[in-house]
Amino acid sequence: MITTLPPQTKEISTVDALWVLIQSQTKTVRKALTKRLLAEQDQTKAQQKMVKDSLTRAFDELHSGKVHHDARKLFKK
């Protein structure tokens, strides 16, 4: 009599799978990947700073009375 066992399935998270792939790469590839990730992070921070500066300037102008229209109407359709 032959008996079979149900297949064992082990779930692995996407992050863990990616980490295993990264670890198996050469040092040069890991360095290049790190460089790209840091560049992307720098770009994101620059964009966030630009938005923050823009909003700060807009609110400063609004509070100082330089803007004479109702800004709340800009987003109404």
C-alpha atoms as a PDB file:
ATOM      1  CA  MET A   1       0.000   0.000   0.000  1.00  0.00           C
ATOM      2  CA  ILE A   2       1.334   3.400  -1.035  1.00  0.00           C
ATOM      3  CA  THR A   3       0.358   6.433   0.962  1.00  0.00           C
ATOM      4  CA  THR A   4       0.915   9.981  -0.109  1.00  0.00           C
ATOM      5  CA  LEU A   5       1.278  12.978   2.094  1.00  0.00           C
ATOM      6  CA  PRO A   6      -0.347  16.270   1.223  1.00  0.00           C
ATOM      7  CA  PRO A   7       2.193  18.756  -0.141  1.00  0.00           C
ATOM      8  CA  GLN A   8       3.648  21.093   2.428  1.00  0.00           C
ATOM      9  CA  THR A   9       3.238  24.683   1.413  1.00  0.00           C
ATOM     10  CA  LYS A  10       5.271  27.303   3.179  1.00  0.00           C
ATOM     11  CA  GLU A  11       4.311  30.893   2.556  1.00  0.00           C
ATOM     12  CA  ILE A  12       7.140  33.366   2.214  1.00  0.00           C
ATOM     13  CA  SER A  13       6.568  37.076   2.208  1.00  0.00           C
ATOM     14  CA  THR A  14       7.476  39.169  -0.804  1.00  0.00           C
ATOM     15  CA  VAL A  15      10.003  41.114   1.239  1.00  0.00           C
ATOM     16  CA  ASP A  16      11.699  37.925   2.449  1.00  0.00           C
ATOM     17  CA  ALA A  17      11.856  36.541  -1.086  1.00  0.00           C
ATOM     18  CA  LEU A  18      13.352  39.784  -2.369  1.00  0.00           C
ATOM     19  CA  TRP A  19      15.868  39.825   0.486  1.00  0.00           C
ATOM     20  CA  VAL A  20      17.036  36.309  -0.408  1.00  0.00           C
ATOM     21  CA  LEU A  21      17.480  37.379  -4.039  1.00  0.00           C
ATOM     22  CA  ILE A  22      19.437  40.475  -3.030  1.00  0.00           C
ATOM     23  CA  GLN A  23      21.699  38.517  -0.710  1.00  0.00           C
ATOM     24  CA  SER A  24      22.566  36.084  -3.486  1.00  0.00           C
ATOM     25  CA  GLN A  25      23.819  38.866  -5.783  1.00  0.00           C
ATOM     26  CA  THR A  26      27.417  39.936  -6.146  1.00  0.00           C
ATOM     27  CA  LYS A  27      28.752  42.813  -4.089  1.00  0.00           C
ATOM     28  CA  THR A  28      28.845  45.023  -7.199  1.00  0.00           C
ATOM     29  CA  VAL A  29      25.179  44.395  -7.944  1.00  0.00           C
ATOM     30  CA  ARG A  30      24.188  45.028  -4.303  1.00  0.00           C
ATOM     31  CA  LYS A  31      26.136  48.303  -4.325  1.00  0.00           C
ATOM     32  CA  ALA A  32      24.447  49.390  -7.564  1.00  0.00           C
ATOM     33  CA  LEU A  33      21.037  48.548  -6.126  1.00  0.00           C
ATOM     34  CA  THR A  34      21.813  50.489  -2.945  1.00  0.00           C
ATOM     35  CA  LYS A  35      22.933  53.464  -5.021  1.00  0.00           C
ATOM     36  CA  ARG A  36      19.680  53.449  -6.997  1.00  0.00           C
ATOM     37  CA  LEU A  37      17.541  53.137  -3.871  1.00  0.00           C
ATOM     38  CA  LEU A  38      19.346  56.030  -2.188  1.00  0.00           C
ATOM     39  CA  ALA A  39      19.042  58.182  -5.329  1.00  0.00           C
ATOM     40  CA  GLU A  40      15.309  57.477  -5.460  1.00  0.00           C
ATOM     41  CA  GLN A  41      14.996  58.374  -1.778  1.00  0.00           C
ATOM     42  CA  ASP A  42      16.883  61.640  -2.371  1.00  0.00           C
ATOM     43  CA  GLN A  43      14.588  62.486  -5.275  1.00  0.00           C
ATOM     44  CA  THR A  44      11.519  61.797  -3.145  1.00  0.00           C
ATOM     45  CA  LYS A  45      12.859  64.011  -0.352  1.00  0.00           C
ATOM     46  CA  ALA A  46      13.570  66.811  -2.852  1.00  0.00           C
ATOM     47  CA  GLN A  47      10.018  66.591  -4.200  1.00  0.00           C
ATOM     48  CA  GLN A  48       8.574  66.641  -0.689  1.00  0.00           C
ATOM     49  CA  LYS A  49      10.666  69.706   0.159  1.00  0.00           C
ATOM     50  CA  MET A  50       9.476  71.455  -2.993  1.00  0.00           C
ATOM     51  CA  VAL A  51       5.827  70.806  -2.099  1.00  0.00           C
ATOM     52  CA  LYS A  52       6.393  71.922   1.493  1.00  0.00           C
ATOM     53  CA  ASP A  53       8.127  75.128   0.364  1.00  0.00           C
ATOM     54  CA  SER A  54       5.382  75.838  -2.149  1.00  0.00           C
ATOM     55  CA  LEU A  55       2.616  75.335   0.393  1.00  0.00           C
ATOM     56  CA  THR A  56       4.465  77.407   2.988  1.00  0.00           C
ATOM     57  CA  ARG A  57       4.858  80.269   0.501  1.00  0.00           C
ATOM     58  CA  ALA A  58       1.198  80.017  -0.525  1.00  0.00           C
ATOM     59  CA  PHE A  59      -0.027  80.126   3.071  1.00  0.00           C
ATOM     60  CA  ASP A  60       2.339  82.994   3.900  1.00  0.00           C
ATOM     61  CA  GLU A  61       0.926  84.960   0.965  1.00  0.00           C
ATOM     62  CA  LEU A  62      -2.616  84.097   1.992  1.00  0.00           C
ATOM     63  CA  HIS A  63      -2.096  85.187   5.596  1.00  0.00           C
ATOM     64  CA  SER A  64      -0.254  88.374   4.639  1.00  0.00           C
ATOM     65  CA  GLY A  65      -3.159  89.480   2.448  1.00  0.00           C
ATOM     66  CA  LYS A  66      -1.280  89.294  -0.857  1.00  0.00           C
ATOM     67  CA  VAL A  67      -3.869  86.889  -2.216  1.00  0.00           C
ATOM     68  CA  HIS A  68      -7.276  88.483  -2.642  1.00  0.00           C
ATOM     69  CA  HIS A  69      -9.346  85.547  -3.874  1.00  0.00           C
ATOM     70  CA  ASP A  70     -10.891  82.783  -1.789  1.00  0.00           C
ATOM     71  CA  ALA A  71      -8.491  79.847  -2.125  1.00  0.00           C
ATOM     72  CA  ARG A  72     -11.232  77.416  -1.030  1.00  0.00           C
ATOM     73  CA  LYS A  73     -12.966  78.009  -4.367  1.00  0.00           C
ATOM     74  CA  LEU A  74      -9.963  76.670  -6.301  1.00  0.00           C
ATOM     75  CA  PHE A  75     -10.938  73.070  -5.530  1.00  0.00           C
ATOM     76  CA  LYS A  76     -14.670  73.313  -6.106  1.00  0.00           C
ATOM     77  CA  LYS A  77     -16.085  72.084  -9.396  1.00  0.00           C
END
